[in-house]
Amino acid sequence: MQREFNNPDIRELQAAVKRACQPTHARLIMEGRGLVAKLPRDWILANIEQVGRSVLNFADYWEYGRFLEVLEAIEAWELIRKFVGEGLVSPEFDVRDLADLWAQRGTTSGG
């Protein structure tokens, strides 16, 4: 039985973000992104930062990078800028390096 996403539960977004950011298998990552995309966009934008911070480890470059990709997929440019800025001052070299790559790509400008 497929659930309607008209009245999403924060646990659905948590599960989708985990699925999109923690696995290393591309199919699972894409599945998670699809689950995020099925939720109401305004609701996602209002909740995704808090959810990401609660379920992911942004000191881990993999989870940090996948979260940036989720934000890009939902065109959350302001949040991308915020997270890239935080990544640029991370104590973790790999996270700083990845944030620098995102800053150089220009995707933080909104398109």
N, C-alpha and C. Protein backbone atom coordinates (compact mmCIF):
# COMPACT_ATOMS: atom_id res chain seq x y z
N MET A 1 0.84 -1.18 0.00
CA MET A 1 0.00 0.00 0.00
C MET A 1 0.88 1.25 0.00
N GLN A 2 0.71 2.11 -0.96
CA GLN A 2 1.50 3.32 -1.05
C GLN A 2 0.81 4.45 -0.29
N ARG A 3 1.59 5.15 0.51
CA ARG A 3 1.06 6.22 1.34
C ARG A 3 1.00 7.52 0.56
N GLU A 4 -0.04 8.28 0.77
CA GLU A 4 -0.15 9.61 0.19
C GLU A 4 0.75 10.56 0.95
N PHE A 5 1.36 11.51 0.25
CA PHE A 5 2.30 12.43 0.88
C PHE A 5 1.70 13.81 1.10
N ASN A 6 0.38 13.91 1.14
CA ASN A 6 -0.26 15.20 1.36
C ASN A 6 0.01 15.73 2.76
N ASN A 7 0.05 14.86 3.74
CA ASN A 7 0.31 15.22 5.12
C ASN A 7 1.54 14.46 5.60
N PRO A 8 2.72 14.90 5.18
CA PRO A 8 3.92 14.14 5.49
C PRO A 8 4.24 14.17 6.98
N ASP A 9 4.93 13.14 7.39
CA ASP A 9 5.43 13.00 8.75
C ASP A 9 6.94 13.25 8.66
N ILE A 10 7.49 13.92 9.65
CA ILE A 10 8.92 14.24 9.63
C ILE A 10 9.76 12.97 9.52
N ARG A 11 9.24 11.86 10.02
CA ARG A 11 9.98 10.60 9.93
C ARG A 11 10.15 10.15 8.48
N GLU A 12 9.21 10.52 7.62
CA GLU A 12 9.34 10.17 6.20
C GLU A 12 10.50 10.91 5.57
N LEU A 13 10.63 12.19 5.92
CA LEU A 13 11.75 12.97 5.38
C LEU A 13 13.07 12.48 5.98
N GLN A 14 13.08 12.14 7.25
CA GLN A 14 14.29 11.60 7.87
C GLN A 14 14.74 10.33 7.15
N ALA A 15 13.81 9.43 6.92
CA ALA A 15 14.15 8.17 6.24
C ALA A 15 14.62 8.43 4.82
N ALA A 16 13.98 9.34 4.12
CA ALA A 16 14.36 9.65 2.74
C ALA A 16 15.74 10.28 2.68
N VAL A 17 16.04 11.20 3.59
CA VAL A 17 17.35 11.85 3.61
C VAL A 17 18.44 10.83 3.96
N LYS A 18 18.18 9.98 4.92
CA LYS A 18 19.16 8.92 5.24
C LYS A 18 19.42 8.06 4.02
N ARG A 19 18.35 7.66 3.33
CA ARG A 19 18.47 6.80 2.16
C ARG A 19 19.24 7.50 1.04
N ALA A 20 19.06 8.79 0.91
CA ALA A 20 19.72 9.55 -0.16
C ALA A 20 21.17 9.89 0.16
N CYS A 21 21.56 9.82 1.42
CA CYS A 21 22.88 10.33 1.80
C CYS A 21 23.83 9.33 2.44
N GLN A 22 23.33 8.25 2.97
CA GLN A 22 24.21 7.34 3.69
C GLN A 22 24.70 6.14 2.88
N PRO A 23 23.88 5.54 2.04
CA PRO A 23 24.38 4.36 1.28
C PRO A 23 25.46 4.75 0.27
N THR A 24 26.19 3.75 -0.18
CA THR A 24 27.16 3.98 -1.25
C THR A 24 26.66 3.42 -2.58
N HIS A 25 25.58 2.68 -2.56
CA HIS A 25 25.02 2.11 -3.78
C HIS A 25 24.13 3.16 -4.47
N ALA A 26 24.42 3.43 -5.73
CA ALA A 26 23.72 4.48 -6.47
C ALA A 26 22.21 4.27 -6.51
N ARG A 27 21.77 3.03 -6.62
CA ARG A 27 20.33 2.77 -6.69
C ARG A 27 19.63 3.23 -5.42
N LEU A 28 20.25 2.96 -4.27
CA LEU A 28 19.66 3.37 -2.99
C LEU A 28 19.66 4.89 -2.84
N ILE A 29 20.73 5.51 -3.27
CA ILE A 29 20.83 6.98 -3.21
C ILE A 29 19.73 7.61 -4.06
N MET A 30 19.57 7.13 -5.28
CA MET A 30 18.55 7.67 -6.17
C MET A 30 17.15 7.40 -5.64
N GLU A 31 16.97 6.25 -5.02
CA GLU A 31 15.69 5.92 -4.41
C GLU A 31 15.35 6.94 -3.31
N GLY A 32 16.35 7.26 -2.49
CA GLY A 32 16.15 8.25 -1.43
C GLY A 32 15.82 9.62 -1.98
N ARG A 33 16.52 10.02 -3.02
CA ARG A 33 16.22 11.32 -3.65
C ARG A 33 14.80 11.34 -4.20
N GLY A 34 14.37 10.23 -4.77
CA GLY A 34 13.01 10.14 -5.28
C GLY A 34 11.99 10.27 -4.17
N LEU A 35 12.28 9.68 -3.02
CA LEU A 35 11.37 9.79 -1.87
C LEU A 35 11.29 11.24 -1.39
N VAL A 36 12.42 11.91 -1.36
CA VAL A 36 12.42 13.33 -0.97
C VAL A 36 11.57 14.12 -1.96
N ALA A 37 11.77 13.88 -3.24
CA ALA A 37 11.08 14.64 -4.28
C ALA A 37 9.56 14.44 -4.26
N LYS A 38 9.09 13.34 -3.71
CA LYS A 38 7.65 13.08 -3.65
C LYS A 38 6.93 13.90 -2.58
N LEU A 39 7.70 14.43 -1.65
CA LEU A 39 7.10 15.21 -0.57
C LEU A 39 6.82 16.64 -1.04
N PRO A 40 5.88 17.33 -0.41
CA PRO A 40 5.58 18.71 -0.83
C PRO A 40 6.81 19.62 -0.68
N ARG A 41 7.16 20.30 -1.76
CA ARG A 41 8.40 21.09 -1.81
C ARG A 41 8.49 22.13 -0.70
N ASP A 42 7.44 22.90 -0.47
CA ASP A 42 7.50 23.92 0.58
C ASP A 42 7.75 23.29 1.94
N TRP A 43 7.13 22.15 2.18
CA TRP A 43 7.32 21.45 3.44
C TRP A 43 8.76 20.94 3.56
N ILE A 44 9.29 20.41 2.46
CA ILE A 44 10.69 19.95 2.45
C ILE A 44 11.62 21.10 2.80
N LEU A 45 11.44 22.22 2.12
CA LEU A 45 12.34 23.37 2.34
C LEU A 45 12.27 23.86 3.78
N ALA A 46 11.10 23.77 4.39
CA ALA A 46 10.94 24.22 5.77
C ALA A 46 11.58 23.26 6.78
N ASN A 47 11.81 22.01 6.37
CA ASN A 47 12.24 20.99 7.33
C ASN A 47 13.57 20.32 7.03
N ILE A 48 14.09 20.45 5.83
CA ILE A 48 15.23 19.62 5.45
C ILE A 48 16.52 19.97 6.19
N GLU A 49 16.72 21.22 6.52
CA GLU A 49 17.95 21.56 7.25
C GLU A 49 17.96 20.88 8.62
N GLN A 50 16.88 21.01 9.35
CA GLN A 50 16.78 20.40 10.68
C GLN A 50 16.90 18.88 10.58
N VAL A 51 16.28 18.30 9.59
CA VAL A 51 16.34 16.85 9.41
C VAL A 51 17.77 16.43 9.08
N GLY A 52 18.39 17.11 8.14
CA GLY A 52 19.77 16.77 7.79
C GLY A 52 20.70 16.83 9.00
N ARG A 53 20.56 17.88 9.78
CA ARG A 53 21.41 18.03 10.96
C ARG A 53 21.13 16.96 12.01
N SER A 54 19.91 16.45 12.04
CA SER A 54 19.57 15.47 13.07
C SER A 54 19.91 14.03 12.68
N VAL A 55 19.98 13.72 11.40
CA VAL A 55 20.18 12.32 11.00
C VAL A 55 21.50 12.06 10.28
N LEU A 56 22.22 13.11 9.89
CA LEU A 56 23.46 12.93 9.14
C LEU A 56 24.67 13.41 9.94
N ASN A 57 25.82 12.96 9.52
CA ASN A 57 27.09 13.38 10.12
C ASN A 57 27.81 14.24 9.09
N PHE A 58 27.78 15.55 9.25
CA PHE A 58 28.39 16.44 8.27
C PHE A 58 29.91 16.53 8.41
N ALA A 59 30.48 15.82 9.36
CA ALA A 59 31.93 15.68 9.41
C ALA A 59 32.39 14.56 8.49
N ASP A 60 31.44 13.78 7.99
CA ASP A 60 31.71 12.71 7.05
C ASP A 60 31.51 13.27 5.65
N TYR A 61 32.55 13.32 4.86
CA TYR A 61 32.46 13.95 3.54
C TYR A 61 31.41 13.29 2.65
N TRP A 62 31.21 11.98 2.81
CA TRP A 62 30.24 11.29 1.96
C TRP A 62 28.82 11.79 2.23
N GLU A 63 28.44 11.79 3.51
CA GLU A 63 27.09 12.24 3.86
C GLU A 63 26.92 13.73 3.56
N TYR A 64 27.93 14.50 3.82
CA TYR A 64 27.90 15.94 3.51
C TYR A 64 27.69 16.16 2.00
N GLY A 65 28.45 15.47 1.20
CA GLY A 65 28.36 15.62 -0.25
C GLY A 65 27.02 15.16 -0.81
N ARG A 66 26.53 14.04 -0.32
CA ARG A 66 25.22 13.57 -0.79
C ARG A 66 24.11 14.53 -0.38
N PHE A 67 24.24 15.15 0.80
CA PHE A 67 23.22 16.11 1.24
C PHE A 67 23.23 17.34 0.33
N LEU A 68 24.42 17.80 -0.05
CA LEU A 68 24.49 18.92 -0.99
C LEU A 68 23.80 18.55 -2.31
N GLU A 69 23.97 17.32 -2.75
CA GLU A 69 23.31 16.87 -3.98
C GLU A 69 21.79 16.85 -3.84
N VAL A 70 21.30 16.44 -2.67
CA VAL A 70 19.86 16.47 -2.42
C VAL A 70 19.37 17.92 -2.48
N LEU A 71 20.10 18.82 -1.83
CA LEU A 71 19.71 20.23 -1.85
C LEU A 71 19.71 20.78 -3.27
N GLU A 72 20.67 20.37 -4.08
CA GLU A 72 20.72 20.81 -5.47
C GLU A 72 19.52 20.27 -6.24
N ALA A 73 19.16 19.02 -5.98
CA ALA A 73 18.04 18.41 -6.68
C ALA A 73 16.72 19.12 -6.39
N ILE A 74 16.59 19.68 -5.19
CA ILE A 74 15.36 20.40 -4.85
C ILE A 74 15.53 21.91 -5.03
N GLU A 75 16.66 22.29 -5.62
CA GLU A 75 16.96 23.70 -5.92
C GLU A 75 16.88 24.59 -4.68
N ALA A 76 17.49 24.11 -3.61
CA ALA A 76 17.55 24.86 -2.35
C ALA A 76 18.86 25.64 -2.31
N TRP A 77 18.97 26.62 -3.19
CA TRP A 77 20.23 27.35 -3.40
C TRP A 77 20.72 28.06 -2.13
N GLU A 78 19.82 28.65 -1.38
CA GLU A 78 20.22 29.35 -0.16
C GLU A 78 20.83 28.37 0.85
N LEU A 79 20.20 27.22 0.98
CA LEU A 79 20.75 26.20 1.89
C LEU A 79 22.08 25.65 1.39
N ILE A 80 22.22 25.51 0.09
CA ILE A 80 23.51 25.07 -0.46
C ILE A 80 24.59 26.07 -0.07
N ARG A 81 24.32 27.35 -0.27
CA ARG A 81 25.30 28.38 0.11
C ARG A 81 25.66 28.26 1.60
N LYS A 82 24.66 28.08 2.42
CA LYS A 82 24.88 27.96 3.86
C LYS A 82 25.76 26.76 4.19
N PHE A 83 25.43 25.60 3.63
CA PHE A 83 26.18 24.40 3.93
C PHE A 83 27.57 24.41 3.31
N VAL A 84 27.72 25.00 2.14
CA VAL A 84 29.06 25.14 1.56
C VAL A 84 29.91 26.05 2.44
N GLY A 85 29.33 27.16 2.91
CA GLY A 85 30.06 28.05 3.82
C GLY A 85 30.51 27.34 5.08
N GLU A 86 29.64 26.52 5.64
CA GLU A 86 30.00 25.76 6.83
C GLU A 86 31.08 24.73 6.50
N GLY A 87 30.96 24.11 5.35
CA GLY A 87 31.96 23.11 4.94
C GLY A 87 33.33 23.72 4.73
N LEU A 88 33.38 24.94 4.25
CA LEU A 88 34.66 25.59 4.01
C LEU A 88 35.47 25.81 5.28
N VAL A 89 34.81 25.83 6.42
CA VAL A 89 35.51 26.02 7.70
C VAL A 89 35.46 24.75 8.57
N SER A 90 35.10 23.64 7.98
CA SER A 90 35.05 22.38 8.71
C SER A 90 36.44 21.98 9.19
N PRO A 91 36.54 21.34 10.36
CA PRO A 91 37.84 20.82 10.79
C PRO A 91 38.29 19.62 9.95
N GLU A 92 37.35 19.04 9.18
CA GLU A 92 37.68 17.87 8.36
C GLU A 92 38.17 18.30 6.98
N PHE A 93 39.40 17.89 6.64
CA PHE A 93 39.98 18.28 5.35
C PHE A 93 39.11 17.88 4.18
N ASP A 94 38.61 16.63 4.18
CA ASP A 94 37.81 16.15 3.05
C ASP A 94 36.54 16.96 2.86
N VAL A 95 35.93 17.38 3.95
CA VAL A 95 34.72 18.20 3.87
C VAL A 95 35.07 19.58 3.32
N ARG A 96 36.16 20.18 3.80
CA ARG A 96 36.59 21.49 3.28
C ARG A 96 36.89 21.40 1.79
N ASP A 97 37.56 20.34 1.38
CA ASP A 97 37.91 20.15 -0.03
C ASP A 97 36.66 20.03 -0.89
N LEU A 98 35.69 19.26 -0.42
CA LEU A 98 34.44 19.10 -1.16
C LEU A 98 33.66 20.42 -1.22
N ALA A 99 33.61 21.14 -0.11
CA ALA A 99 32.93 22.44 -0.08
C ALA A 99 33.59 23.40 -1.07
N ASP A 100 34.92 23.36 -1.14
CA ASP A 100 35.64 24.21 -2.08
C ASP A 100 35.27 23.87 -3.53
N LEU A 101 35.15 22.59 -3.83
CA LEU A 101 34.74 22.18 -5.17
C LEU A 101 33.34 22.71 -5.50
N TRP A 102 32.41 22.61 -4.53
CA TRP A 102 31.06 23.12 -4.75
C TRP A 102 31.08 24.63 -4.94
N ALA A 103 31.89 25.32 -4.18
CA ALA A 103 31.98 26.78 -4.32
C ALA A 103 32.52 27.15 -5.71
N GLN A 104 33.50 26.40 -6.20
CA GLN A 104 34.07 26.65 -7.51
C GLN A 104 33.12 26.32 -8.66
N ARG A 105 32.24 25.34 -8.46
CA ARG A 105 31.27 24.95 -9.50
C ARG A 105 30.28 26.04 -9.81
N GLY A 106 30.05 26.89 -8.83
CA GLY A 106 29.07 27.95 -9.05
C GLY A 106 27.63 27.54 -8.80
N THR A 107 27.40 26.32 -8.32
CA THR A 107 26.02 25.88 -8.08
C THR A 107 25.41 26.58 -6.88
N THR A 108 26.22 27.28 -6.13
CA THR A 108 25.69 27.97 -4.96
C THR A 108 25.03 29.28 -5.36
N SER A 109 25.06 29.61 -6.63
CA SER A 109 24.49 30.89 -7.06
C SER A 109 23.05 30.78 -7.53
N GLY A 110 22.53 29.58 -7.57
CA GLY A 110 21.13 29.43 -7.95
C GLY A 110 20.94 29.04 -9.38
N GLY A 111 21.90 28.38 -9.95
CA GLY A 111 21.66 27.87 -11.28
C GLY A 111 22.85 27.73 -12.05
